[in-house]
Protein backbone atom coordinates (compact mmCIF):
# COMPACT_ATOMS: atom_id res chain seq x y z
CA MET A 1 -28.15 -89.06 22.32
CA ILE A 2 -25.51 -86.47 23.38
CA GLU A 3 -26.98 -83.49 25.13
CA PRO A 4 -25.52 -80.10 24.21
CA HIS A 5 -23.41 -78.31 26.82
CA ALA A 6 -25.14 -75.61 28.87
CA PRO A 7 -23.93 -72.14 28.08
CA ALA A 8 -21.06 -70.92 30.25
CA PRO A 9 -21.92 -68.39 32.97
CA PRO A 10 -21.09 -64.75 32.19
CA GLY A 11 -17.50 -63.74 32.98
CA THR A 12 -16.00 -67.22 32.59
CA ALA A 13 -13.37 -68.11 30.00
CA PRO A 14 -14.68 -69.59 26.79
CA PRO A 15 -14.32 -73.33 26.31
CA ARG A 16 -11.13 -74.44 24.53
CA SER A 17 -10.36 -77.30 22.23
CA GLY A 18 -7.34 -79.62 22.50
CA PRO A 19 -5.88 -81.49 25.47
CA GLY A 20 -7.35 -81.08 28.90
CA PRO A 21 -5.61 -79.84 32.01
CA ALA A 22 -2.10 -81.21 32.44
CA GLY A 23 -1.40 -83.86 35.07
CA LEU A 24 0.81 -81.62 37.13
CA PRO A 25 3.15 -83.08 39.83
CA VAL A 26 2.48 -79.93 41.93
CA ARG A 27 -0.52 -77.78 42.87
CA PRO A 28 -1.80 -75.51 40.09
CA ALA A 29 -0.73 -72.37 41.94
CA THR A 30 2.82 -73.73 42.26
CA GLY A 31 2.86 -74.84 38.65
CA ARG A 32 1.75 -71.44 37.49
CA PHE A 33 4.48 -69.79 39.53
CA LEU A 34 7.08 -72.14 38.04
CA VAL A 35 5.96 -71.23 34.52
CA LEU A 36 6.36 -67.56 35.32
CA VAL A 37 9.82 -68.21 36.71
CA GLY A 38 10.62 -70.00 33.48
CA VAL A 39 9.40 -66.96 31.52
CA PHE A 40 11.60 -64.73 33.69
CA VAL A 41 14.74 -66.81 33.08
CA CYS A 42 14.15 -67.26 29.36
CA ALA A 43 13.49 -63.53 28.89
CA ALA A 44 16.72 -62.68 30.70
CA CYS A 45 18.67 -65.07 28.50
CA GLY A 46 17.07 -63.68 25.36
CA LEU A 47 18.06 -60.12 26.19
CA VAL A 48 21.62 -61.21 26.99
CA TYR A 49 21.87 -62.71 23.46
CA GLU A 50 20.66 -59.45 21.96
CA LEU A 51 23.10 -57.28 23.98
CA GLU A 52 25.96 -59.61 23.28
CA LEU A 53 25.44 -59.40 19.53
CA VAL A 54 25.23 -55.62 19.70
CA ALA A 55 28.38 -55.33 21.84
CA LEU A 56 30.47 -57.77 19.88
CA ALA A 57 29.37 -56.43 16.51
CA SER A 58 30.16 -52.87 17.60
CA TYR A 59 33.65 -53.97 18.56
CA LEU A 60 34.32 -56.10 15.51
CA ILE A 61 32.61 -54.15 12.74
CA GLY A 62 32.38 -50.69 14.32
CA ASP A 63 29.63 -48.00 14.44
CA SER A 64 27.61 -49.05 17.51
CA VAL A 65 24.46 -47.17 16.38
CA THR A 66 24.31 -49.15 13.10
CA GLN A 67 24.99 -52.44 14.79
CA ALA A 68 22.32 -51.87 17.49
CA SER A 69 19.80 -50.77 14.92
CA VAL A 70 20.40 -53.82 12.73
CA VAL A 71 20.36 -56.36 15.53
CA LEU A 72 17.30 -54.98 17.28
CA SER A 73 15.24 -54.30 14.17
CA VAL A 74 15.97 -57.68 12.63
CA MET A 75 15.30 -59.43 15.93
CA VAL A 76 12.01 -57.67 16.61
CA PHE A 77 10.83 -58.44 13.05
CA ALA A 78 11.82 -62.09 13.48
CA MET A 79 9.99 -62.31 16.81
CA GLY A 80 6.76 -61.41 15.02
CA ILE A 81 7.34 -64.09 12.41
CA GLY A 82 8.26 -66.55 15.13
CA SER A 83 5.00 -65.90 17.00
CA LEU A 84 2.99 -66.59 13.87
CA LEU A 85 4.86 -69.82 13.14
CA ALA A 86 4.46 -71.04 16.74
CA LYS A 87 0.69 -71.19 16.29
CA ARG A 88 1.12 -74.47 14.54
CA LEU A 89 2.82 -75.92 17.63
CA ARG A 90 0.10 -75.02 20.15
CA CYS A 91 -1.42 -78.49 19.99
CA ARG A 92 1.94 -79.83 21.22
CA ALA A 93 2.89 -76.85 23.33
CA ALA A 94 5.09 -78.69 25.85
CA ALA A 95 7.11 -80.55 23.26
CA GLY A 96 7.31 -77.44 21.08
CA PHE A 97 8.50 -75.20 23.89
CA GLY A 98 11.09 -77.74 24.95
CA ALA A 99 12.45 -77.98 21.39
CA VAL A 100 12.44 -74.18 20.97
CA GLU A 101 14.39 -73.60 24.17
CA ALA A 102 16.97 -76.27 23.35
CA LEU A 103 17.56 -74.77 19.95
CA LEU A 104 17.60 -71.19 21.33
CA ALA A 105 20.16 -72.17 23.94
CA LEU A 106 22.36 -73.70 21.22
CA VAL A 107 22.05 -70.86 18.72
CA GLY A 108 22.18 -68.01 21.23
CA GLY A 109 24.96 -69.61 23.31
CA CYS A 110 27.21 -70.14 20.26
CA SER A 111 26.33 -66.84 18.56
CA ALA A 112 29.27 -64.83 19.94
CA MET A 113 31.83 -67.49 19.00
CA ALA A 114 30.39 -67.81 15.53
CA LEU A 115 30.50 -64.05 14.95
CA TYR A 116 34.05 -63.81 16.23
CA ALA A 117 35.09 -66.78 14.04
CA ALA A 118 33.55 -65.11 10.98
CA PHE A 119 35.41 -61.90 11.81
CA ALA A 120 38.71 -63.69 12.28
CA TRP A 121 38.64 -66.15 9.40
CA THR A 122 36.68 -64.48 6.64
CA GLY A 123 38.75 -61.32 6.51
CA ASP A 124 35.78 -59.00 7.02
CA TRP A 125 37.45 -56.14 8.86
CA GLY A 126 36.24 -52.97 7.40
CA GLY A 127 32.82 -52.27 8.81
CA ALA A 128 31.05 -52.24 5.46
CA TRP A 129 27.98 -54.41 5.19
CA THR A 130 29.45 -56.73 2.57
CA GLY A 131 31.55 -59.25 4.49
CA GLY A 132 31.23 -62.50 6.34
CA SER A 133 30.75 -61.21 9.92
CA SER A 134 27.94 -58.89 8.78
CA TYR A 135 26.01 -61.76 7.22
CA VAL A 136 26.55 -63.90 10.32
CA LEU A 137 25.30 -61.06 12.49
CA VAL A 138 22.06 -60.77 10.53
CA ALA A 139 21.60 -64.55 10.42
CA PHE A 140 21.95 -64.98 14.16
CA SER A 141 19.73 -61.95 14.86
CA LEU A 142 17.07 -63.48 12.62
CA ALA A 143 17.36 -67.00 14.16
CA ILE A 144 17.33 -65.81 17.78
CA GLY A 145 14.40 -63.45 17.08
CA LEU A 146 12.36 -66.29 15.52
CA LEU A 147 12.94 -68.55 18.52
CA ILE A 148 12.23 -65.85 21.10
CA GLY A 149 9.07 -64.92 19.25
CA ALA A 150 7.90 -68.54 19.34
CA GLU A 151 8.12 -68.66 23.17
CA VAL A 152 5.09 -66.48 24.08
CA PRO A 153 2.35 -68.36 22.22
CA LEU A 154 3.62 -71.69 23.60
CA LEU A 155 3.95 -70.33 27.11
CA MET A 156 0.48 -68.83 26.87
CA GLU A 157 -0.86 -72.29 25.98
CA LEU A 158 1.10 -73.96 28.85
CA ILE A 159 -0.07 -71.51 31.51
CA GLN A 160 -3.67 -71.93 30.36
CA ARG A 161 -3.25 -75.68 30.71
CA ILE A 162 -2.63 -75.23 34.41
CA ARG A 163 -5.50 -72.93 35.24
CA ARG A 164 -7.92 -71.37 32.83
CA GLN A 165 -8.17 -67.61 33.06
CA ASP A 166 -9.17 -64.81 30.76
CA ALA A 167 -6.73 -64.12 27.91
CA GLY A 168 -6.01 -60.57 29.06
CA GLY A 169 -4.97 -61.66 32.54
CA ALA A 170 -2.80 -64.46 31.21
CA VAL A 171 -1.07 -62.08 28.77
CA ALA A 172 -0.51 -59.55 31.55
CA ASP A 173 1.12 -62.14 33.80
CA LEU A 174 3.31 -63.51 31.05
CA PHE A 175 4.50 -60.08 29.90
CA ALA A 176 5.12 -58.87 33.44
CA ALA A 177 7.46 -61.85 34.06
CA ASP A 178 8.98 -61.37 30.59
CA TYR A 179 9.76 -57.66 31.08
CA VAL A 180 11.17 -58.15 34.56
CA GLY A 181 13.34 -60.94 33.25
CA ALA A 182 14.54 -58.68 30.45
CA LEU A 183 15.48 -56.09 33.08
CA ALA A 184 17.46 -58.67 35.01
CA GLY A 185 19.26 -59.85 31.86
CA GLY A 186 19.93 -56.27 30.74
CA LEU A 187 21.56 -55.39 34.07
CA ALA A 188 23.41 -58.69 34.49
CA PHE A 189 25.17 -58.42 31.11
CA PRO A 190 27.21 -55.20 31.66
CA PHE A 191 27.60 -55.41 35.43
CA LEU A 192 28.09 -59.12 36.08
CA LEU A 193 28.52 -61.36 33.04
CA LEU A 194 30.77 -59.19 30.88
CA PRO A 195 33.28 -58.13 33.58
CA LEU A 196 33.48 -61.55 35.22
CA LEU A 197 33.31 -63.89 32.23
CA GLY A 198 34.05 -61.93 29.06
CA GLN A 199 31.96 -61.83 25.92
CA LEU A 200 32.35 -65.41 24.69
CA THR A 201 32.09 -67.27 27.98
CA ALA A 202 29.18 -65.07 29.13
CA THR A 203 27.12 -66.12 26.15
CA LEU A 204 27.97 -69.78 26.60
CA VAL A 205 26.91 -69.63 30.27
CA THR A 206 23.73 -67.86 29.27
CA GLY A 207 22.93 -70.65 26.80
CA THR A 208 23.58 -73.23 29.48
CA VAL A 209 21.11 -71.49 31.89
CA ASN A 210 18.62 -71.25 29.05
CA ALA A 211 18.81 -74.99 28.23
CA ILE A 212 18.49 -76.02 31.89
CA ALA A 213 15.54 -73.70 32.53
CA GLY A 214 13.62 -74.77 29.44
CA GLY A 215 14.33 -78.46 29.85
CA ALA A 216 13.51 -78.47 33.59
CA LEU A 217 10.24 -76.67 33.04
CA VAL A 218 8.94 -79.05 30.39
CA LEU A 219 10.35 -82.29 31.71
CA GLY A 220 9.56 -81.50 35.35
CA LEU A 221 6.17 -79.88 35.05
CA PHE A 222 4.63 -81.02 31.78
CA ARG A 223 6.16 -84.44 31.33
CA GLN A 224 2.71 -86.03 31.26
CA ASP A 225 2.02 -84.10 28.05
CA LEU A 226 4.92 -85.87 26.33
CA THR A 227 5.09 -89.32 24.93
CA ARG A 228 7.84 -91.56 26.19
CA ARG A 229 9.69 -91.11 22.95
CA ALA A 230 9.33 -87.33 23.10
CA ARG A 231 10.66 -87.23 26.64
CA TRP A 232 13.77 -89.19 25.65
CA LEU A 233 14.31 -87.09 22.59
CA LEU A 234 14.04 -83.87 24.66
CA VAL A 235 16.45 -85.23 27.27
CA ALA A 236 18.93 -86.25 24.55
CA ALA A 237 18.60 -82.86 22.80
CA ASN A 238 19.27 -80.92 26.00
CA LEU A 239 22.19 -83.10 26.95
CA ALA A 240 23.65 -82.64 23.49
CA VAL A 241 23.22 -78.84 23.77
CA LEU A 242 24.79 -78.76 27.19
CA GLY A 243 27.62 -80.92 25.89
CA VAL A 244 28.31 -78.54 23.02
CA LEU A 245 28.17 -75.47 25.21
CA GLY A 246 30.27 -77.09 27.94
CA SER A 247 32.91 -78.22 25.40
CA ALA A 248 32.98 -74.71 23.92
CA ALA A 249 33.41 -73.18 27.36
CA VAL A 250 36.40 -75.48 28.02
CA LEU A 251 37.97 -74.59 24.68
CA VAL A 252 37.08 -70.92 24.63
CA ASP A 253 40.55 -69.74 25.66
CA ASP A 254 42.22 -71.83 22.93
CA PHE A 255 39.60 -70.61 20.43
CA GLU A 256 40.16 -66.95 21.37
CA ARG A 257 43.93 -67.41 21.15
CA ALA A 258 43.71 -68.92 17.70
CA ALA A 259 41.25 -66.25 16.49
CA ARG A 260 43.46 -63.50 17.91
CA GLN A 261 46.49 -64.89 16.09
CA GLU A 262 44.48 -64.96 12.88
CA VAL A 263 43.58 -61.34 13.44
CA TYR A 264 46.81 -59.87 14.71
CA GLY A 265 49.40 -62.49 13.56
CA LYS A 266 51.44 -64.90 15.56
CA ASP A 267 53.45 -62.34 17.47
CA VAL A 268 50.74 -61.27 19.95
CA ARG A 269 52.54 -60.45 23.17
CA VAL A 270 49.87 -58.87 25.33
CA ALA A 271 46.08 -59.16 25.07
CA LEU A 272 44.26 -57.22 27.77
CA HIS A 273 40.50 -56.79 28.17
CA THR A 274 40.11 -53.61 30.22
CA ASP A 275 36.86 -52.16 31.49
CA VAL A 276 36.87 -49.86 28.46
CA GLN A 277 38.39 -51.72 25.50
CA GLU A 278 40.62 -54.55 24.25
CA VAL A 279 44.31 -53.67 24.18
CA VAL A 280 46.70 -55.83 22.17
CA LEU A 281 50.44 -55.45 21.83
CA THR A 282 52.32 -57.23 19.03
CA GLY A 283 55.86 -57.27 17.85
CA ASP A 284 58.99 -55.86 19.52
CA THR A 285 60.64 -59.26 19.02
CA ASP A 286 62.94 -60.49 16.25
CA GLY A 287 63.26 -56.94 14.99
CA ARG A 288 59.49 -56.43 14.46
CA PRO A 289 58.25 -52.97 15.51
CA LEU A 290 55.79 -52.69 18.31
CA GLY A 291 52.10 -52.62 17.30
CA LEU A 292 49.45 -51.22 19.60
CA TYR A 293 45.81 -52.16 18.81
CA LEU A 294 42.75 -50.78 20.52
CA ASP A 295 39.52 -52.65 19.87
CA GLY A 296 41.00 -54.34 16.82
CA ARG A 297 42.26 -51.12 15.19
CA LEU A 298 45.92 -50.24 14.91
CA TRP A 299 46.51 -47.27 17.17
CA ALA A 300 50.27 -46.93 17.14
CA ASP A 301 53.03 -48.54 15.10
CA GLY A 302 56.54 -48.38 16.45
CA GLY A 303 57.75 -47.90 12.86
CA ASP A 304 56.05 -44.53 12.22
CA GLU A 305 54.22 -43.41 15.35
CA ARG A 306 56.79 -40.65 15.98
CA ARG A 307 55.75 -38.98 12.72
CA TYR A 308 52.14 -38.92 13.93
CA HIS A 309 52.78 -37.81 17.53
CA ARG A 310 55.31 -35.14 16.54
CA ALA A 311 52.94 -33.75 13.94
CA LEU A 312 50.17 -33.73 16.59
CA VAL A 313 52.09 -32.14 19.40
CA GLN A 314 55.06 -30.05 18.21
CA PRO A 315 53.23 -27.33 16.24
CA ALA A 316 51.01 -26.70 19.30
CA MET A 317 54.08 -26.21 21.51
CA ASN A 318 55.15 -23.09 19.60
CA GLY A 319 54.74 -20.49 22.37
CA ARG A 320 54.31 -20.51 26.11
CA ASN A 321 53.76 -24.10 27.27
CA THR A 322 54.19 -24.18 31.03
CA ARG A 323 50.97 -26.14 31.57
CA VAL A 324 49.75 -28.72 29.11
CA LEU A 325 46.54 -30.81 29.05
CA VAL A 326 46.45 -34.07 27.15
CA LEU A 327 42.98 -35.50 26.51
CA GLY A 328 43.29 -39.26 25.91
CA GLY A 329 46.85 -40.26 25.27
CA GLY A 330 46.86 -43.25 27.63
CA ASP A 331 49.76 -44.81 25.66
CA GLY A 332 52.04 -41.95 26.83
CA LEU A 333 53.32 -41.26 23.29
CA ALA A 334 51.89 -37.74 23.03
CA VAL A 335 53.09 -37.06 26.57
CA ARG A 336 56.61 -38.06 25.54
CA GLU A 337 56.59 -35.35 22.88
CA VAL A 338 55.37 -32.76 25.34
CA LEU A 339 58.07 -33.60 27.88
CA LEU A 340 60.80 -32.87 25.31
CA HIS A 341 60.25 -29.17 26.19
CA ARG A 342 62.17 -28.18 29.27
CA ASP A 343 59.89 -25.26 30.11
CA VAL A 344 56.91 -27.56 30.66
CA ARG A 345 56.10 -27.55 34.35
CA ARG A 346 52.98 -29.68 34.53
CA VAL A 347 51.17 -32.14 32.22
CA ASP A 348 47.66 -33.24 33.06
CA VAL A 349 46.54 -36.42 31.28
CA VAL A 350 42.83 -37.22 31.28
CA GLU A 351 42.39 -40.88 30.27
CA LEU A 352 39.34 -43.04 30.92
CA ASP A 353 41.15 -46.38 30.78
CA THR A 354 43.38 -46.68 33.85
CA GLN A 355 44.41 -50.23 32.95
CA PHE A 356 45.69 -48.99 29.65
CA VAL A 357 47.75 -46.34 31.41
CA GLN A 358 49.13 -48.97 33.78
CA LEU A 359 50.16 -51.09 30.80
CA ALA A 360 51.92 -48.06 29.31
CA ARG A 361 53.77 -47.67 32.61
CA THR A 362 54.84 -51.24 33.07
CA ASP A 363 55.19 -52.97 29.68
CA PRO A 364 58.91 -52.86 28.86
CA ALA A 365 58.47 -52.22 25.13
CA LEU A 366 55.61 -49.71 25.36
CA SER A 367 57.15 -47.82 28.29
CA ALA A 368 60.45 -47.65 26.39
CA LEU A 369 58.65 -46.32 23.35
CA ASN A 370 56.95 -43.55 25.36
CA GLY A 371 60.19 -42.69 27.11
CA HIS A 372 58.88 -43.75 30.50
CA ALA A 373 56.69 -40.62 30.31
CA PHE A 374 54.42 -41.63 33.22
CA ARG A 375 57.37 -41.79 35.60
CA ASP A 376 58.08 -38.11 35.09
CA PRO A 377 57.00 -36.14 38.25
CA ARG A 378 55.55 -33.40 36.03
CA VAL A 379 52.87 -35.79 34.73
CA ARG A 380 49.57 -36.26 36.57
CA VAL A 381 46.99 -38.79 35.35
CA THR A 382 43.31 -38.47 36.02
CA ALA A 383 41.00 -41.40 35.29
CA ALA A 384 37.94 -39.72 33.73
CA ASP A 385 35.96 -39.21 30.58
CA ALA A 386 37.41 -36.19 28.82
CA PHE A 387 34.03 -34.53 28.28
CA GLY A 388 32.90 -34.92 31.88
CA TRP A 389 36.28 -33.82 33.19
CA LEU A 390 36.17 -30.57 31.15
CA ARG A 391 32.67 -29.89 32.46
CA ARG A 392 33.91 -30.13 36.00
CA ALA A 393 37.30 -28.52 35.38
CA SER A 394 38.46 -25.91 37.91
CA ARG A 395 39.54 -22.42 36.92
CA ASP A 396 43.02 -23.67 36.01
CA THR A 397 43.98 -22.83 32.44
CA TYR A 398 46.43 -24.46 30.05
CA ASP A 399 48.81 -23.11 27.50
CA VAL A 400 48.36 -26.16 25.29
CA VAL A 401 45.49 -28.63 25.00
CA VAL A 402 46.19 -31.81 22.98
CA SER A 403 43.19 -33.88 21.93
CA ASP A 404 44.58 -37.32 21.13
CA LEU A 405 41.28 -39.24 20.90
CA PRO A 406 39.81 -42.03 18.69
CA ASP A 407 38.79 -41.17 15.14
CA PRO A 408 35.77 -38.88 14.86
CA GLY A 409 33.97 -41.35 12.68
CA ALA A 410 33.53 -43.79 15.54
CA THR A 411 30.05 -43.42 17.01
CA SER A 412 31.31 -43.65 20.61
CA SER A 413 33.66 -40.72 19.94
CA THR A 414 31.34 -38.20 18.35
CA LYS A 415 30.65 -36.32 21.57
CA LEU A 416 34.43 -35.71 21.84
CA TYR A 417 34.31 -33.99 18.43
CA SER A 418 31.21 -31.90 19.12
CA GLN A 419 30.80 -28.12 19.37
CA GLU A 420 30.00 -28.49 23.05
CA PHE A 421 33.26 -30.40 23.66
CA TYR A 422 35.41 -27.81 21.85
CA GLY A 423 33.56 -25.09 23.72
CA LEU A 424 34.64 -26.67 26.98
CA ALA A 425 38.21 -27.06 25.75
CA ARG A 426 38.27 -23.39 24.70
CA GLY A 427 37.22 -22.50 28.24
CA VAL A 428 40.40 -23.94 29.74
CA LEU A 429 42.71 -22.27 27.26
CA ALA A 430 44.93 -19.56 28.73
CA ASP A 431 45.49 -16.31 26.82
CA GLY A 432 47.53 -17.24 23.77
CA GLY A 433 46.84 -20.94 24.38
CA ARG A 434 46.60 -23.46 21.53
CA LEU A 435 44.33 -26.46 20.99
CA VAL A 436 45.35 -29.23 18.61
CA VAL A 437 42.95 -31.96 17.47
CA HIS A 438 43.53 -35.24 15.67
CA ALA A 439 40.87 -35.04 13.00
CA GLY A 440 41.27 -38.23 10.95
CA PRO A 441 42.64 -38.69 7.42
CA VAL A 442 42.14 -35.83 4.95
CA ALA A 443 42.42 -37.52 1.55
CA SER A 444 40.10 -40.46 2.19
CA ARG A 445 37.59 -38.74 4.51
CA PRO A 446 37.56 -35.04 3.67
CA ARG A 447 34.00 -34.49 4.85
CA VAL A 448 34.81 -35.77 8.32
CA PHE A 449 38.02 -33.76 8.52
CA TRP A 450 36.46 -30.47 7.41
CA THR A 451 33.49 -31.07 9.73
CA VAL A 452 35.95 -31.15 12.61
CA ASP A 453 37.48 -27.88 11.38
CA ALA A 454 34.01 -26.25 11.03
CA THR A 455 33.04 -27.46 14.51
CA VAL A 456 36.18 -26.05 16.14
CA ARG A 457 35.70 -22.71 14.39
CA ALA A 458 32.07 -22.59 15.63
CA THR A 459 33.43 -22.06 19.15
CA GLY A 460 35.14 -18.81 18.14
CA LEU A 461 38.63 -20.22 17.61
CA ARG A 462 40.69 -19.66 14.47
CA THR A 463 42.12 -22.70 12.85
CA VAL A 464 44.97 -23.93 10.66
CA PRO A 465 44.27 -27.44 9.22
CA TYR A 466 47.21 -29.55 8.10
CA SER A 467 48.22 -33.13 7.37
CA VAL A 468 51.27 -35.35 7.27
CA GLY A 469 51.88 -38.53 5.38
CA GLY A 470 51.67 -41.87 7.16
CA HIS A 471 49.67 -45.06 7.24
CA ASP A 472 46.06 -45.57 8.09
CA ARG A 473 44.96 -46.92 11.44
CA ALA A 474 43.51 -49.98 9.78
CA ARG A 475 41.77 -52.93 11.23
CA ALA A 476 44.05 -55.71 12.36
CA GLY A 477 44.75 -58.19 9.61
CA THR A 478 44.34 -55.74 6.76
CA ALA A 479 47.05 -54.39 4.54
CA ARG A 480 48.08 -50.91 5.70
CA ALA A 481 47.73 -48.49 2.78
CA ALA A 482 49.58 -45.24 2.35
CA HIS A 483 47.47 -42.61 4.04
CA ASP A 484 47.65 -39.29 5.79
CA TRP A 485 46.89 -37.98 9.25
CA GLY A 486 44.91 -34.79 9.55
CA PHE A 487 45.09 -32.27 12.38
CA VAL A 488 43.48 -28.94 13.30
CA LEU A 489 45.51 -26.38 15.19
CA ALA A 490 43.40 -23.65 16.80
CA SER A 491 43.68 -20.61 19.06
CA ARG A 492 41.87 -17.34 19.71
CA ALA A 493 44.30 -15.60 17.34
CA ARG A 494 45.35 -17.26 14.11
CA PRO A 495 47.97 -19.84 15.12
CA ARG A 496 51.38 -20.11 13.47
CA LEU A 497 52.18 -23.47 11.85
CA TRP A 498 55.76 -24.23 12.68
CA THR A 499 57.67 -26.04 15.37
CA PRO A 500 59.49 -24.12 18.12
CA PRO A 501 63.31 -23.83 18.11
CA GLY A 502 65.02 -26.95 19.44
CA ALA A 503 61.93 -29.16 18.98
CA PRO A 504 62.03 -32.28 16.83
CA HIS A 505 61.55 -31.43 13.15
CA VAL A 506 58.19 -32.22 11.53
CA PRO A 507 58.81 -32.39 7.81
CA SER A 508 56.56 -30.76 5.22
CA LEU A 509 54.24 -28.95 7.64
CA ARG A 510 53.58 -26.13 5.20
CA ALA A 511 53.13 -28.58 2.33
CA GLY A 512 50.70 -30.57 4.47
CA ALA A 513 48.68 -27.44 5.09
CA ARG A 514 48.53 -26.67 1.38
CA ALA A 515 47.57 -30.29 0.62
CA ALA A 516 44.76 -30.17 3.18
CA GLU A 517 43.57 -26.81 1.85
CA ARG A 518 43.16 -28.30 -1.66
CA THR A 519 40.50 -30.69 -0.28
CA ARG A 520 38.52 -28.02 1.56
CA LEU A 521 34.75 -28.45 1.70
CA THR A 522 32.77 -25.36 2.62
CA GLY A 523 29.32 -24.90 4.07
CA LEU A 524 29.50 -28.00 6.23
CA PRO A 525 27.20 -27.95 9.28
CA VAL A 526 28.84 -28.23 12.72
CA SER A 527 28.58 -31.38 14.75
CA THR A 528 26.71 -31.16 18.10
CA LEU A 529 25.76 -33.62 20.80
CA VAL A 530 22.22 -34.03 19.55
CA HIS A 531 23.13 -33.92 15.84
CA PRO A 532 26.44 -35.60 15.12
CA ARG A 533 27.73 -35.07 11.58
CA TYR A 534 30.50 -37.59 11.23
CA ALA A 535 28.92 -40.37 9.26
CA ASP A 536 30.91 -41.14 6.14
């Protein structure tokens, strides 16, 4: 007859069903420490996968707020589902955790390459949530979230196999290691992995670390929980994953080159990853005009960039222009237009990306296109964020301020189109000084354009909006449609819209002002730092 068990003393953990304590090759305290180290490493890898998807999707598809929201919300939702599904694997926690980590290393490690491939070969360039790269982004966010969510229940089971403790204490230990690991991964991605390895290789290396950590933990610490067949299957699976990731790392340069050619065409001449953005130069060979791309979007076309930069700069030069401030303009093309005026004595260029400026100085085609503007002794370049520089600006004032910055619809640029920014720009204007702003296309995005105008007027400046015909700054690989460029010229007194005597002619300025006026939207709220208004 089997006697019933005596009741457990108060304060002890309740009895558990399933396998007994693991036959550890180390002391329980050491085993518990190794499990927490595994939690730390896996958490760091998981956060790197999340950040990589957000960063790459923001670059490829655009609108960083939308991409971060989609990736994080889908991933957190999937983590909850993954935790529920992992309950079925608790009876085989060691084998389940080993399988989950191998699969997570494969999926997470290859996620960046898969997303880039979808962007390059499916033709999904526009940022709308209808194309291939958007679906791939959601699919990988879901898959990675499911696998990350499955980790905690299995790790909870494994750490309890080593030494029984109350559930609250075990959860506290696991989450402490998890959160510290997430901190390490979150800091390693922008400060170590991304600058040293780049987006694709960084993710592959992270997957490799993930596979080694997960496999070593299970095969080294809990191998007695596995059958002989399960051990060999897990070894084979991890070797296969490491083989895939290693092969991808070897071929990553060839892959990136092929994808870049698919995106930009076969005449890519320069591809530079700076600390701020990706800069690509195409053309200028076999009679093809130079193309300058910033983060996958056409920024300047040698065929019609003069029309854009003359329309941006020349109307603002109508008057005293001894001192000129150019915000952005790292390509030197706006500076070239400023330097056409002999009475200019000094041009201050505030550009965040110093590597971009260096390319504009040294690349033969780009420096020829900008007229070797950065060699002119009147030009002084400051490496700084335009908003921060204006906040710290001295009492120097400028006759002309040219804002040649990315489109206002880009999330990362909204602070440079805010009321606070224009207020700072107004503060450095001399008496009679003029501010000119690139405000995006008028015909296709009138709400954005007139929001810029309303925001500039909110600082007390009077404005004259105008547009000129051109082509849109489209994503690489897309057909460039007929478009327009919109600008806002502003000063304390109502500015005059014409070019000064002797300046290059800008055709149809008055007609462009009338065309812009026909699209006017009234009553639009201004855009501020805490309430940006530039969503389409």
